[in-house]
């Protein structure tokens, strides 16, 4: 993986929180910031997937009859297995 060096300016309180977290986790500052960036982008990807799911559900909501049929099938399977 290619790396780049960057300089950023953040509030002192945020810097202190980063320092405290990196010490607690035993990470270098670079590793801590990398973890934070990766977590941020993973959260963004998850939010995008959730938004797509919600949009799809709004366009094609579940049919109450279909739900009732699936619930009955689950109960039938469970009753037959015990």
PDB file of N, CA and C in Angstrom:
ATOM      1  N   UNK A   1       0.858  -1.171   0.000  1.00  0.00           N
ATOM      2  CA  UNK A   1       0.000   0.000   0.000  1.00  0.00           C
ATOM      3  C   UNK A   1       0.900   1.229   0.000  1.00  0.00           C
ATOM      4  N   UNK A   2       0.630   2.123  -0.935  1.00  0.00           N
ATOM      5  CA  UNK A   2       1.370   3.376  -0.993  1.00  0.00           C
ATOM      6  C   UNK A   2       0.875   4.282   0.126  1.00  0.00           C
ATOM      7  N   UNK A   3       1.771   4.985   0.763  1.00  0.00           N
ATOM      8  CA  UNK A   3       1.380   5.903   1.831  1.00  0.00           C
ATOM      9  C   UNK A   3       1.775   7.319   1.469  1.00  0.00           C
ATOM     10  N   UNK A   4       1.099   8.266   2.080  1.00  0.00           N
ATOM     11  CA  UNK A   4       1.422   9.675   1.902  1.00  0.00           C
ATOM     12  C   UNK A   4       1.482  10.334   3.278  1.00  0.00           C
ATOM     13  N   UNK A   5       2.243  11.387   3.353  1.00  0.00           N
ATOM     14  CA  UNK A   5       2.334  12.146   4.594  1.00  0.00           C
ATOM     15  C   UNK A   5       1.426  13.358   4.448  1.00  0.00           C
ATOM     16  N   UNK A   6       0.701  13.696   5.519  1.00  0.00           N
ATOM     17  CA  UNK A   6      -0.158  14.870   5.461  1.00  0.00           C
ATOM     18  C   UNK A   6      -0.086  15.610   6.787  1.00  0.00           C
ATOM     19  N   UNK A   7      -0.390  16.872   6.726  1.00  0.00           N
ATOM     20  CA  UNK A   7      -0.429  17.702   7.920  1.00  0.00           C
ATOM     21  C   UNK A   7      -1.846  18.221   8.066  1.00  0.00           C
ATOM     22  N   UNK A   8      -2.382  18.104   9.275  1.00  0.00           N
ATOM     23  CA  UNK A   8      -3.737  18.588   9.541  1.00  0.00           C
ATOM     24  C   UNK A   8      -3.725  19.432  10.810  1.00  0.00           C
ATOM     25  N   UNK A   9      -4.716  20.278  10.927  1.00  0.00           N
ATOM     26  CA  UNK A   9      -4.888  21.086  12.131  1.00  0.00           C
ATOM     27  C   UNK A   9      -6.218  20.699  12.752  1.00  0.00           C
ATOM     28  N   UNK A  10      -6.170  20.306  14.022  1.00  0.00           N
ATOM     29  CA  UNK A  10      -7.384  19.902  14.735  1.00  0.00           C
ATOM     30  C   UNK A  10      -7.390  20.582  16.105  1.00  0.00           C
ATOM     31  N   UNK A  11      -8.547  20.669  16.732  1.00  0.00           N
ATOM     32  CA  UNK A  11      -8.607  21.247  18.079  1.00  0.00           C
ATOM     33  C   UNK A  11      -7.770  20.419  19.062  1.00  0.00           C
ATOM     34  N   UNK A  12      -7.215  21.094  20.051  1.00  0.00           N
ATOM     35  CA  UNK A  12      -6.370  20.428  21.044  1.00  0.00           C
ATOM     36  C   UNK A  12      -7.107  19.300  21.760  1.00  0.00           C
ATOM     37  N   UNK A  13      -8.409  19.515  22.044  1.00  0.00           N
ATOM     38  CA  UNK A  13      -9.170  18.466  22.750  1.00  0.00           C
ATOM     39  C   UNK A  13      -9.201  17.176  21.923  1.00  0.00           C
ATOM     40  N   UNK A  14      -9.385  17.308  20.617  1.00  0.00           N
ATOM     41  CA  UNK A  14      -9.406  16.133  19.750  1.00  0.00           C
ATOM     42  C   UNK A  14      -8.035  15.465  19.721  1.00  0.00           C
ATOM     43  N   UNK A  15      -6.992  16.280  19.631  1.00  0.00           N
ATOM     44  CA  UNK A  15      -5.634  15.726  19.639  1.00  0.00           C
ATOM     45  C   UNK A  15      -5.382  14.945  20.918  1.00  0.00           C
ATOM     46  N   UNK A  16      -5.794  15.504  22.051  1.00  0.00           N
ATOM     47  CA  UNK A  16      -5.586  14.822  23.336  1.00  0.00           C
ATOM     48  C   UNK A  16      -6.358  13.509  23.391  1.00  0.00           C
ATOM     49  N   UNK A  17      -7.553  13.495  22.845  1.00  0.00           N
ATOM     50  CA  UNK A  17      -8.344  12.252  22.816  1.00  0.00           C
ATOM     51  C   UNK A  17      -7.664  11.199  21.943  1.00  0.00           C
ATOM     52  N   UNK A  18      -7.129  11.642  20.807  1.00  0.00           N
ATOM     53  CA  UNK A  18      -6.408  10.709  19.934  1.00  0.00           C
ATOM     54  C   UNK A  18      -5.199  10.147  20.657  1.00  0.00           C
ATOM     55  N   UNK A  19      -4.445  11.019  21.312  1.00  0.00           N
ATOM     56  CA  UNK A  19      -3.252  10.579  22.044  1.00  0.00           C
ATOM     57  C   UNK A  19      -3.617   9.576  23.138  1.00  0.00           C
ATOM     58  N   UNK A  20      -4.681   9.868  23.857  1.00  0.00           N
ATOM     59  CA  UNK A  20      -5.114   8.968  24.936  1.00  0.00           C
ATOM     60  C   UNK A  20      -5.542   7.616  24.368  1.00  0.00           C
ATOM     61  N   UNK A  21      -6.294   7.628  23.284  1.00  0.00           N
ATOM     62  CA  UNK A  21      -6.762   6.384  22.678  1.00  0.00           C
ATOM     63  C   UNK A  21      -5.608   5.567  22.115  1.00  0.00           C
ATOM     64  N   UNK A  22      -4.666   6.229  21.459  1.00  0.00           N
ATOM     65  CA  UNK A  22      -3.544   5.493  20.866  1.00  0.00           C
ATOM     66  C   UNK A  22      -2.687   4.848  21.944  1.00  0.00           C
ATOM     67  N   UNK A  23      -2.512   5.555  23.073  1.00  0.00           N
ATOM     68  CA  UNK A  23      -1.747   4.955  24.179  1.00  0.00           C
ATOM     69  C   UNK A  23      -2.481   3.745  24.750  1.00  0.00           C
ATOM     70  N   UNK A  24      -3.782   3.886  24.922  1.00  0.00           N
ATOM     71  CA  UNK A  24      -4.582   2.795  25.481  1.00  0.00           C
ATOM     72  C   UNK A  24      -4.551   1.564  24.578  1.00  0.00           C
ATOM     73  N   UNK A  25      -4.507   1.795  23.264  1.00  0.00           N
ATOM     74  CA  UNK A  25      -4.500   0.689  22.315  1.00  0.00           C
ATOM     75  C   UNK A  25      -3.099   0.229  21.952  1.00  0.00           C
ATOM     76  N   UNK A  26      -2.103   0.981  22.378  1.00  0.00           N
ATOM     77  CA  UNK A  26      -0.728   0.616  22.052  1.00  0.00           C
ATOM     78  C   UNK A  26      -0.393   0.823  20.593  1.00  0.00           C
ATOM     79  N   UNK A  27      -0.988   1.853  19.980  1.00  0.00           N
ATOM     80  CA  UNK A  27      -0.768   2.123  18.565  1.00  0.00           C
ATOM     81  C   UNK A  27       0.095   3.364  18.383  1.00  0.00           C
ATOM     82  N   UNK A  28       0.717   3.441  17.231  1.00  0.00           N
ATOM     83  CA  UNK A  28       1.394   4.677  16.858  1.00  0.00           C
ATOM     84  C   UNK A  28       0.322   5.689  16.471  1.00  0.00           C
ATOM     85  N   UNK A  29       0.696   6.952  16.395  1.00  0.00           N
ATOM     86  CA  UNK A  29      -0.259   7.974  15.983  1.00  0.00           C
ATOM     87  C   UNK A  29      -0.760   7.691  14.570  1.00  0.00           C
ATOM     88  N   UNK A  30       0.143   7.308  13.683  1.00  0.00           N
ATOM     89  CA  UNK A  30      -0.266   7.011  12.307  1.00  0.00           C
ATOM     90  C   UNK A  30      -1.248   5.850  12.262  1.00  0.00           C
ATOM     91  N   UNK A  31      -0.968   4.809  13.034  1.00  0.00           N
ATOM     92  CA  UNK A  31      -1.869   3.654  13.061  1.00  0.00           C
ATOM     93  C   UNK A  31      -3.229   4.038  13.631  1.00  0.00           C
ATOM     94  N   UNK A  32      -3.234   4.896  14.638  1.00  0.00           N
ATOM     95  CA  UNK A  32      -4.497   5.325  15.242  1.00  0.00           C
ATOM     96  C   UNK A  32      -5.312   6.126  14.240  1.00  0.00           C
ATOM     97  N   UNK A  33      -4.674   7.061  13.543  1.00  0.00           N
ATOM     98  CA  UNK A  33      -5.391   7.871  12.553  1.00  0.00           C
ATOM     99  C   UNK A  33      -5.868   6.985  11.405  1.00  0.00           C
ATOM    100  N   UNK A  34      -5.039   6.037  10.992  1.00  0.00           N
ATOM    101  CA  UNK A  34      -5.451   5.104   9.932  1.00  0.00           C
ATOM    102  C   UNK A  34      -6.688   4.328  10.366  1.00  0.00           C
ATOM    103  N   UNK A  35      -6.710   3.856  11.613  1.00  0.00           N
ATOM    104  CA  UNK A  35      -7.880   3.130  12.130  1.00  0.00           C
ATOM    105  C   UNK A  35      -9.112   4.035  12.138  1.00  0.00           C
ATOM    106  N   UNK A  36      -8.929   5.272  12.528  1.00  0.00           N
ATOM    107  CA  UNK A  36     -10.057   6.214  12.561  1.00  0.00           C
ATOM    108  C   UNK A  36     -10.608   6.468  11.161  1.00  0.00           C
ATOM    109  N   UNK A  37      -9.728   6.658  10.194  1.00  0.00           N
ATOM    110  CA  UNK A  37     -10.151   6.907   8.821  1.00  0.00           C
ATOM    111  C   UNK A  37     -10.868   5.674   8.263  1.00  0.00           C
ATOM    112  N   UNK A  38     -10.299   4.491   8.512  1.00  0.00           N
ATOM    113  CA  UNK A  38     -10.919   3.254   8.030  1.00  0.00           C
ATOM    114  C   UNK A  38     -12.306   3.072   8.652  1.00  0.00           C
ATOM    115  N   UNK A  39     -12.430   3.371   9.938  1.00  0.00           N
ATOM    116  CA  UNK A  39     -13.720   3.260  10.622  1.00  0.00           C
ATOM    117  C   UNK A  39     -14.727   4.235  10.032  1.00  0.00           C
ATOM    118  N   UNK A  40     -14.275   5.439   9.752  1.00  0.00           N
ATOM    119  CA  UNK A  40     -15.160   6.440   9.152  1.00  0.00           C
ATOM    120  C   UNK A  40     -15.699   5.957   7.810  1.00  0.00           C
ATOM    121  N   UNK A  41     -14.804   5.499   6.938  1.00  0.00           N
ATOM    122  CA  UNK A  41     -15.242   5.073   5.607  1.00  0.00           C
ATOM    123  C   UNK A  41     -16.103   3.810   5.675  1.00  0.00           C
ATOM    124  N   UNK A  42     -15.817   2.910   6.599  1.00  0.00           N
ATOM    125  CA  UNK A  42     -16.667   1.726   6.769  1.00  0.00           C
ATOM    126  C   UNK A  42     -18.068   2.154   7.200  1.00  0.00           C
ATOM    127  N   UNK A  43     -18.145   3.146   8.077  1.00  0.00           N
ATOM    128  CA  UNK A  43     -19.447   3.668   8.508  1.00  0.00           C
ATOM    129  C   UNK A  43     -20.205   4.308   7.358  1.00  0.00           C
ATOM    130  N   UNK A  44     -19.481   5.045   6.510  1.00  0.00           N
ATOM    131  CA  UNK A  44     -20.103   5.657   5.341  1.00  0.00           C
ATOM    132  C   UNK A  44     -20.661   4.592   4.402  1.00  0.00           C
ATOM    133  N   UNK A  45     -19.879   3.540   4.165  1.00  0.00           N
ATOM    134  CA  UNK A  45     -20.341   2.449   3.294  1.00  0.00           C
ATOM    135  C   UNK A  45     -21.571   1.776   3.881  1.00  0.00           C
ATOM    136  N   UNK A  46     -21.569   1.559   5.191  1.00  0.00           N
ATOM    137  CA  UNK A  46     -22.717   0.938   5.848  1.00  0.00           C
ATOM    138  C   UNK A  46     -23.947   1.826   5.728  1.00  0.00           C
ATOM    139  N   UNK A  47     -23.780   3.129   5.935  1.00  0.00           N
ATOM    140  CA  UNK A  47     -24.916   4.051   5.800  1.00  0.00           C
ATOM    141  C   UNK A  47     -25.471   4.040   4.380  1.00  0.00           C
ATOM    142  N   UNK A  48     -24.587   3.977   3.388  1.00  0.00           N
ATOM    143  CA  UNK A  48     -25.049   3.912   1.996  1.00  0.00           C
ATOM    144  C   UNK A  48     -25.854   2.640   1.750  1.00  0.00           C
ATOM    145  N   UNK A  49     -25.385   1.511   2.285  1.00  0.00           N
ATOM    146  CA  UNK A  49     -26.110   0.245   2.111  1.00  0.00           C
ATOM    147  C   UNK A  49     -27.463   0.304   2.805  1.00  0.00           C
ATOM    148  N   UNK A  50     -27.500   0.879   3.990  1.00  0.00           N
ATOM    149  CA  UNK A  50     -28.766   0.998   4.720  1.00  0.00           C
ATOM    150  C   UNK A  50     -29.728   1.897   3.950  1.00  0.00           C
ATOM    151  N   UNK A  51     -29.220   3.018   3.429  1.00  0.00           N
ATOM    152  CA  UNK A  51     -30.070   3.920   2.643  1.00  0.00           C
ATOM    153  C   UNK A  51     -30.652   3.207   1.429  1.00  0.00           C
ATOM    154  N   UNK A  52     -29.833   2.395   0.750  1.00  0.00           N
ATOM    155  CA  UNK A  52     -30.319   1.640  -0.409  1.00  0.00           C
ATOM    156  C   UNK A  52     -31.384   0.633   0.015  1.00  0.00           C
ATOM    157  N   UNK A  53     -31.158  -0.039   1.142  1.00  0.00           N
ATOM    158  CA  UNK A  53     -32.127  -1.015   1.647  1.00  0.00           C
ATOM    159  C   UNK A  53     -33.456  -0.328   1.964  1.00  0.00           C
ATOM    160  N   UNK A  54     -33.382   0.793   2.674  1.00  0.00           N
ATOM    161  CA  UNK A  54     -34.601   1.517   3.050  1.00  0.00           C
ATOM    162  C   UNK A  54     -35.328   2.012   1.800  1.00  0.00           C
ATOM    163  N   UNK A  55     -34.577   2.531   0.840  1.00  0.00           N
ATOM    164  CA  UNK A  55     -35.184   2.999  -0.405  1.00  0.00           C
ATOM    165  C   UNK A  55     -35.894   1.846  -1.124  1.00  0.00           C
ATOM    166  N   UNK A  56     -35.236   0.701  -1.197  1.00  0.00           N
ATOM    167  CA  UNK A  56     -35.846  -0.465  -1.831  1.00  0.00           C
ATOM    168  C   UNK A  56     -37.088  -0.925  -1.097  1.00  0.00           C
ATOM    169  N   UNK A  57     -37.027  -0.900   0.234  1.00  0.00           N
ATOM    170  CA  UNK A  57     -38.192  -1.309   1.028  1.00  0.00           C
ATOM    171  C   UNK A  57     -39.354  -0.347   0.808  1.00  0.00           C
ATOM    172  N   UNK A  58     -39.044   0.949   0.701  1.00  0.00           N
ATOM    173  CA  UNK A  58     -40.114   1.922   0.464  1.00  0.00           C
ATOM    174  C   UNK A  58     -40.754   1.718  -0.907  1.00  0.00           C
ATOM    175  N   UNK A  59     -39.931   1.339  -1.886  1.00  0.00           N
ATOM    176  CA  UNK A  59     -40.464   1.114  -3.234  1.00  0.00           C
ATOM    177  C   UNK A  59     -41.240  -0.193  -3.308  1.00  0.00           C
ATOM    178  N   UNK A  60     -40.802  -1.206  -2.543  1.00  0.00           N
ATOM    179  CA  UNK A  60     -41.460  -2.518  -2.580  1.00  0.00           C
ATOM    180  C   UNK A  60     -41.636  -3.049  -1.149  1.00  0.00           C
ATOM    181  N   UNK A  61     -42.576  -2.478  -0.395  1.00  0.00           N
ATOM    182  CA  UNK A  61     -42.775  -2.948   0.981  1.00  0.00           C
ATOM    183  C   UNK A  61     -43.290  -4.383   1.007  1.00  0.00           C
ATOM    184  N   UNK A  62     -43.080  -5.031   2.145  1.00  0.00           N
ATOM    185  CA  UNK A  62     -43.557  -6.408   2.288  1.00  0.00           C
ATOM    186  C   UNK A  62     -45.079  -6.437   2.289  1.00  0.00           C
ATOM    187  N   UNK A  63     -45.603  -7.479   1.719  1.00  0.00           N
ATOM    188  CA  UNK A  63     -47.041  -7.697   1.680  1.00  0.00           C
ATOM    189  C   UNK A  63     -47.440  -8.411   2.975  1.00  0.00           C
ATOM    190  N   UNK A  64     -48.429  -7.888   3.712  1.00  0.00           N
ATOM    191  CA  UNK A  64     -48.837  -8.529   4.966  1.00  0.00           C
ATOM    192  C   UNK A  64     -49.215  -9.999   4.794  1.00  0.00           C
ATOM    193  N   UNK A  65     -49.825 -10.363   3.675  1.00  0.00           N
ATOM    194  CA  UNK A  65     -50.189 -11.765   3.436  1.00  0.00           C
ATOM    195  C   UNK A  65     -48.927 -12.622   3.269  1.00  0.00           C
ATOM    196  N   UNK A  66     -47.933 -12.070   2.576  1.00  0.00           N
ATOM    197  CA  UNK A  66     -46.674 -12.795   2.391  1.00  0.00           C
ATOM    198  C   UNK A  66     -45.984 -13.027   3.737  1.00  0.00           C
ATOM    199  N   UNK A  67     -46.007 -12.015   4.600  1.00  0.00           N
ATOM    200  CA  UNK A  67     -45.405 -12.148   5.927  1.00  0.00           C
ATOM    201  C   UNK A  67     -46.124 -13.237   6.714  1.00  0.00           C
ATOM    202  N   UNK A  68     -47.450 -13.233   6.675  1.00  0.00           N
ATOM    203  CA  UNK A  68     -48.230 -14.242   7.402  1.00  0.00           C
ATOM    204  C   UNK A  68     -47.908 -15.642   6.890  1.00  0.00           C
ATOM    205  N   UNK A  69     -47.759 -15.791   5.579  1.00  0.00           N
ATOM    206  CA  UNK A  69     -47.420 -17.093   4.992  1.00  0.00           C
ATOM    207  C   UNK A  69     -46.043 -17.555   5.463  1.00  0.00           C
ATOM    208  N   UNK A  70     -45.071 -16.647   5.476  1.00  0.00           N
ATOM    209  CA  UNK A  70     -43.717 -17.000   5.926  1.00  0.00           C
ATOM    210  C   UNK A  70     -43.703 -17.353   7.408  1.00  0.00           C
ATOM    211  N   UNK A  71     -44.453 -16.607   8.224  1.00  0.00           N
ATOM    212  CA  UNK A  71     -44.529 -16.916   9.656  1.00  0.00           C
ATOM    213  C   UNK A  71     -45.152 -18.288   9.879  1.00  0.00           C
ATOM    214  N   UNK A  72     -46.186 -18.608   9.126  1.00  0.00           N
ATOM    215  CA  UNK A  72     -46.815 -19.925   9.260  1.00  0.00           C
ATOM    216  C   UNK A  72     -45.840 -21.023   8.865  1.00  0.00           C
ATOM    217  N   UNK A  73     -45.095 -20.811   7.782  1.00  0.00           N
ATOM    218  CA  UNK A  73     -44.113 -21.805   7.346  1.00  0.00           C
ATOM    219  C   UNK A  73     -43.037 -22.004   8.414  1.00  0.00           C
ATOM    220  N   UNK A  74     -42.604 -20.936   9.065  1.00  0.00           N
ATOM    221  CA  UNK A  74     -41.608 -21.062  10.137  1.00  0.00           C
ATOM    222  C   UNK A  74     -42.167 -21.894  11.285  1.00  0.00           C
ATOM    223  N   UNK A  75     -43.400 -21.604  11.666  1.00  0.00           N
ATOM    224  CA  UNK A  75     -44.011 -22.350  12.766  1.00  0.00           C
ATOM    225  C   UNK A  75     -44.192 -23.821  12.405  1.00  0.00           C
ATOM    226  N   UNK A  76     -44.570 -24.091  11.166  1.00  0.00           N
ATOM    227  CA  UNK A  76     -44.731 -25.468  10.731  1.00  0.00           C
ATOM    228  C   UNK A  76     -43.410 -26.220  10.813  1.00  0.00           C
ATOM    229  N   UNK A  77     -42.346 -25.583  10.382  1.00  0.00           N
ATOM    230  CA  UNK A  77     -41.013 -26.208  10.423  1.00  0.00           C
ATOM    231  C   UNK A  77     -40.608 -26.439  11.861  1.00  0.00           C
ATOM    232  N   UNK A  78     -40.825 -25.436  12.706  1.00  0.00           N
ATOM    233  CA  UNK A  78     -40.425 -25.567  14.114  1.00  0.00           C
ATOM    234  C   UNK A  78     -41.229 -26.643  14.824  1.00  0.00           C
ATOM    235  N   UNK A  79     -42.520 -26.722  14.556  1.00  0.00           N
ATOM    236  CA  UNK A  79     -43.368 -27.735  15.191  1.00  0.00           C
ATOM    237  C   UNK A  79     -42.971 -29.134  14.753  1.00  0.00           C
ATOM    238  N   UNK A  80     -42.585 -29.275  13.491  1.00  0.00           N
ATOM    239  CA  UNK A  80     -42.207 -30.583  12.971  1.00  0.00           C
ATOM    240  C   UNK A  80     -40.842 -31.038  13.447  1.00  0.00           C
ATOM    241  N   UNK A  81     -40.029 -30.111  13.893  1.00  0.00           N
ATOM    242  CA  UNK A  81     -38.674 -30.457  14.304  1.00  0.00           C
ATOM    243  C   UNK A  81     -38.542 -30.838  15.763  1.00  0.00           C
ATOM    244  N   UNK A  82     -39.619 -30.701  16.541  1.00  0.00           N
ATOM    245  CA  UNK A  82     -39.505 -31.001  17.977  1.00  0.00           C
ATOM    246  C   UNK A  82     -40.430 -32.075  18.402  1.00  0.00           C
TER     247      UNK A  82
END
